[in-house]
């Protein structure tokens, strides 16, 4: 059994006070976020793309012969 320990140090950054207008954010399903001023952000479909790629890779792998070099 191998154990690794990792130690890090980080300096605190200067925090500045917010100086703009207040904006409300509505998180959704079809849109990632809708702001109170009307701007919207599209929802990245990362999970759906990765599942599709996994299905393709699995299909290619299943078609290869057992014991072959490419498997």
N, C-alpha and C. Protein backbone atom coordinates (compact mmCIF):
# COMPACT_ATOMS: atom_id res chain seq x y z
N UNK A 1 0.84 -1.17 0.00
CA UNK A 1 0.00 0.00 0.00
C UNK A 1 0.88 1.24 0.00
N UNK A 2 0.55 2.19 -0.85
CA UNK A 2 1.35 3.40 -0.99
C UNK A 2 0.50 4.58 -0.54
N UNK A 3 1.08 5.42 0.31
CA UNK A 3 0.37 6.61 0.79
C UNK A 3 1.15 7.85 0.35
N UNK A 4 0.45 8.85 -0.10
CA UNK A 4 1.05 10.11 -0.49
C UNK A 4 0.46 11.22 0.36
N UNK A 5 1.30 12.14 0.78
CA UNK A 5 0.84 13.31 1.52
C UNK A 5 1.27 14.54 0.74
N UNK A 6 0.40 15.48 0.63
CA UNK A 6 0.67 16.69 -0.13
C UNK A 6 0.39 17.89 0.75
N UNK A 7 1.38 18.75 0.88
CA UNK A 7 1.22 19.96 1.69
C UNK A 7 1.32 21.18 0.78
N UNK A 8 0.41 22.13 0.95
CA UNK A 8 0.45 23.35 0.16
C UNK A 8 0.30 24.55 1.07
N UNK A 9 0.84 25.66 0.62
CA UNK A 9 0.68 26.92 1.33
C UNK A 9 0.20 27.95 0.34
N UNK A 10 -0.75 28.75 0.76
CA UNK A 10 -1.31 29.76 -0.12
C UNK A 10 -1.44 31.06 0.64
N UNK A 11 -1.00 32.14 0.02
CA UNK A 11 -1.11 33.44 0.66
C UNK A 11 -2.51 33.99 0.42
N UNK A 12 -3.02 34.69 1.41
CA UNK A 12 -4.35 35.28 1.30
C UNK A 12 -4.30 36.45 0.32
N UNK A 13 -5.27 36.52 -0.57
CA UNK A 13 -5.35 37.62 -1.53
C UNK A 13 -6.13 38.77 -0.92
N UNK A 14 -5.85 39.97 -1.42
CA UNK A 14 -6.60 41.15 -0.96
C UNK A 14 -8.00 41.08 -1.53
N UNK A 15 -9.00 41.19 -0.69
CA UNK A 15 -10.39 41.16 -1.12
C UNK A 15 -10.88 42.59 -1.27
N UNK A 16 -11.44 42.88 -2.44
CA UNK A 16 -11.99 44.20 -2.68
C UNK A 16 -13.51 44.12 -2.60
N UNK A 17 -14.12 45.18 -2.15
CA UNK A 17 -15.58 45.23 -2.04
C UNK A 17 -16.19 45.36 -3.43
N UNK A 18 -17.36 44.76 -3.64
CA UNK A 18 -18.07 44.87 -4.91
C UNK A 18 -18.55 46.30 -5.10
N UNK A 19 -18.40 46.81 -6.32
CA UNK A 19 -18.74 48.21 -6.57
C UNK A 19 -19.75 48.38 -7.69
N UNK A 20 -20.48 47.34 -8.07
CA UNK A 20 -21.43 47.45 -9.18
C UNK A 20 -22.86 47.32 -8.69
N UNK A 21 -23.78 47.30 -9.67
CA UNK A 21 -25.20 47.10 -9.35
C UNK A 21 -25.44 45.67 -8.91
N UNK A 22 -26.53 45.45 -8.19
CA UNK A 22 -26.88 44.12 -7.73
C UNK A 22 -27.57 43.39 -8.89
N UNK A 23 -27.17 42.14 -9.12
CA UNK A 23 -27.76 41.33 -10.19
C UNK A 23 -28.22 40.01 -9.58
N UNK A 24 -29.44 39.61 -9.89
CA UNK A 24 -29.97 38.34 -9.43
C UNK A 24 -29.67 37.25 -10.45
N UNK A 25 -29.43 36.04 -9.97
CA UNK A 25 -29.11 34.92 -10.85
C UNK A 25 -30.12 33.81 -10.60
N UNK A 26 -30.72 33.31 -11.70
CA UNK A 26 -31.65 32.20 -11.62
C UNK A 26 -31.01 31.01 -12.33
N UNK A 27 -30.71 29.95 -11.61
CA UNK A 27 -30.13 28.75 -12.21
C UNK A 27 -31.24 27.86 -12.72
N UNK A 28 -31.05 27.33 -13.93
CA UNK A 28 -32.12 26.53 -14.53
C UNK A 28 -31.61 25.25 -15.13
N UNK A 29 -32.52 24.56 -15.83
CA UNK A 29 -32.19 23.29 -16.45
C UNK A 29 -31.86 23.50 -17.93
N UNK A 30 -32.73 24.18 -18.66
CA UNK A 30 -32.48 24.41 -20.08
C UNK A 30 -31.39 25.44 -20.29
N UNK A 31 -31.37 26.48 -19.51
CA UNK A 31 -30.32 27.50 -19.53
C UNK A 31 -29.54 27.36 -18.24
N UNK A 32 -28.21 27.53 -18.33
CA UNK A 32 -27.38 27.41 -17.13
C UNK A 32 -27.75 28.49 -16.13
N UNK A 33 -27.84 29.72 -16.59
CA UNK A 33 -28.17 30.82 -15.69
C UNK A 33 -28.87 31.92 -16.48
N UNK A 34 -29.80 32.59 -15.82
CA UNK A 34 -30.46 33.76 -16.37
C UNK A 34 -30.29 34.88 -15.36
N UNK A 35 -29.75 36.00 -15.82
CA UNK A 35 -29.51 37.13 -14.93
C UNK A 35 -30.73 38.04 -14.92
N UNK A 36 -30.85 38.84 -13.87
CA UNK A 36 -32.00 39.72 -13.75
C UNK A 36 -32.01 40.82 -14.81
N UNK A 37 -30.87 41.09 -15.45
CA UNK A 37 -30.85 42.09 -16.51
C UNK A 37 -31.17 41.50 -17.88
N UNK A 38 -31.52 40.18 -17.94
CA UNK A 38 -31.97 39.55 -19.17
C UNK A 38 -30.94 38.70 -19.88
N UNK A 39 -29.69 38.76 -19.48
CA UNK A 39 -28.67 37.93 -20.12
C UNK A 39 -28.84 36.48 -19.70
N UNK A 40 -28.58 35.57 -20.66
CA UNK A 40 -28.67 34.14 -20.37
C UNK A 40 -27.36 33.47 -20.77
N UNK A 41 -27.07 32.35 -20.13
CA UNK A 41 -25.89 31.56 -20.43
C UNK A 41 -26.33 30.14 -20.74
N UNK A 42 -25.82 29.60 -21.85
CA UNK A 42 -26.20 28.25 -22.26
C UNK A 42 -25.64 27.22 -21.29
N UNK A 43 -26.34 26.11 -21.17
CA UNK A 43 -25.94 25.03 -20.29
C UNK A 43 -24.96 24.12 -21.03
N UNK A 44 -23.71 24.00 -20.55
CA UNK A 44 -22.78 23.10 -21.24
C UNK A 44 -23.21 21.65 -21.02
N UNK A 45 -23.29 20.90 -22.08
CA UNK A 45 -23.77 19.52 -22.01
C UNK A 45 -22.58 18.56 -21.94
N UNK A 46 -21.69 18.77 -21.00
CA UNK A 46 -20.47 17.97 -20.90
C UNK A 46 -20.80 16.50 -20.61
N UNK A 47 -21.70 16.25 -19.70
CA UNK A 47 -22.02 14.87 -19.34
C UNK A 47 -22.60 14.12 -20.53
N UNK A 48 -23.50 14.73 -21.26
CA UNK A 48 -24.13 14.09 -22.41
C UNK A 48 -23.08 13.75 -23.47
N UNK A 49 -22.13 14.67 -23.72
CA UNK A 49 -21.08 14.42 -24.71
C UNK A 49 -20.17 13.27 -24.26
N UNK A 50 -19.83 13.23 -23.00
CA UNK A 50 -18.95 12.18 -22.49
C UNK A 50 -19.64 10.81 -22.53
N UNK A 51 -20.92 10.76 -22.23
CA UNK A 51 -21.66 9.50 -22.29
C UNK A 51 -21.72 8.99 -23.73
N UNK A 52 -21.95 9.90 -24.67
CA UNK A 52 -21.98 9.51 -26.09
C UNK A 52 -20.63 8.97 -26.52
N UNK A 53 -19.54 9.63 -26.13
CA UNK A 53 -18.20 9.16 -26.49
C UNK A 53 -17.92 7.80 -25.85
N UNK A 54 -18.37 7.60 -24.62
CA UNK A 54 -18.18 6.32 -23.95
C UNK A 54 -18.93 5.21 -24.67
N UNK A 55 -20.15 5.48 -25.12
CA UNK A 55 -20.93 4.49 -25.87
C UNK A 55 -20.21 4.09 -27.14
N UNK A 56 -19.67 5.08 -27.88
CA UNK A 56 -18.95 4.78 -29.12
C UNK A 56 -17.72 3.93 -28.85
N UNK A 57 -16.94 4.32 -27.84
CA UNK A 57 -15.71 3.58 -27.51
C UNK A 57 -16.04 2.16 -27.08
N UNK A 58 -17.12 2.00 -26.33
CA UNK A 58 -17.53 0.69 -25.87
C UNK A 58 -17.94 -0.20 -27.04
N UNK A 59 -18.66 0.38 -28.01
CA UNK A 59 -19.06 -0.36 -29.21
C UNK A 59 -17.85 -0.82 -30.01
N UNK A 60 -16.89 0.09 -30.21
CA UNK A 60 -15.67 -0.27 -30.94
C UNK A 60 -14.91 -1.38 -30.23
N UNK A 61 -14.81 -1.28 -28.92
CA UNK A 61 -14.08 -2.28 -28.14
C UNK A 61 -14.78 -3.64 -28.21
N UNK A 62 -16.10 -3.65 -28.16
CA UNK A 62 -16.83 -4.92 -28.16
C UNK A 62 -16.71 -5.66 -29.49
N UNK A 63 -16.41 -4.94 -30.57
CA UNK A 63 -16.29 -5.56 -31.89
C UNK A 63 -14.92 -6.19 -32.12
N UNK A 64 -13.97 -5.88 -31.28
CA UNK A 64 -12.61 -6.41 -31.46
C UNK A 64 -12.53 -7.83 -30.91
N UNK A 65 -11.68 -8.64 -31.55
CA UNK A 65 -11.55 -10.05 -31.15
C UNK A 65 -10.71 -10.16 -29.89
N UNK A 66 -11.14 -11.05 -29.00
CA UNK A 66 -10.39 -11.28 -27.77
C UNK A 66 -9.00 -11.80 -28.11
N UNK A 67 -8.01 -11.28 -27.41
CA UNK A 67 -6.64 -11.70 -27.62
C UNK A 67 -5.94 -11.01 -28.76
N UNK A 68 -6.63 -10.11 -29.46
CA UNK A 68 -5.98 -9.42 -30.58
C UNK A 68 -5.11 -8.28 -30.04
N UNK A 69 -4.22 -7.78 -30.89
CA UNK A 69 -3.32 -6.71 -30.47
C UNK A 69 -4.06 -5.41 -30.16
N UNK A 70 -5.09 -5.14 -30.88
CA UNK A 70 -5.80 -3.86 -30.75
C UNK A 70 -6.84 -3.84 -29.64
N UNK A 71 -6.95 -4.91 -28.89
CA UNK A 71 -7.95 -4.92 -27.82
C UNK A 71 -7.37 -4.52 -26.51
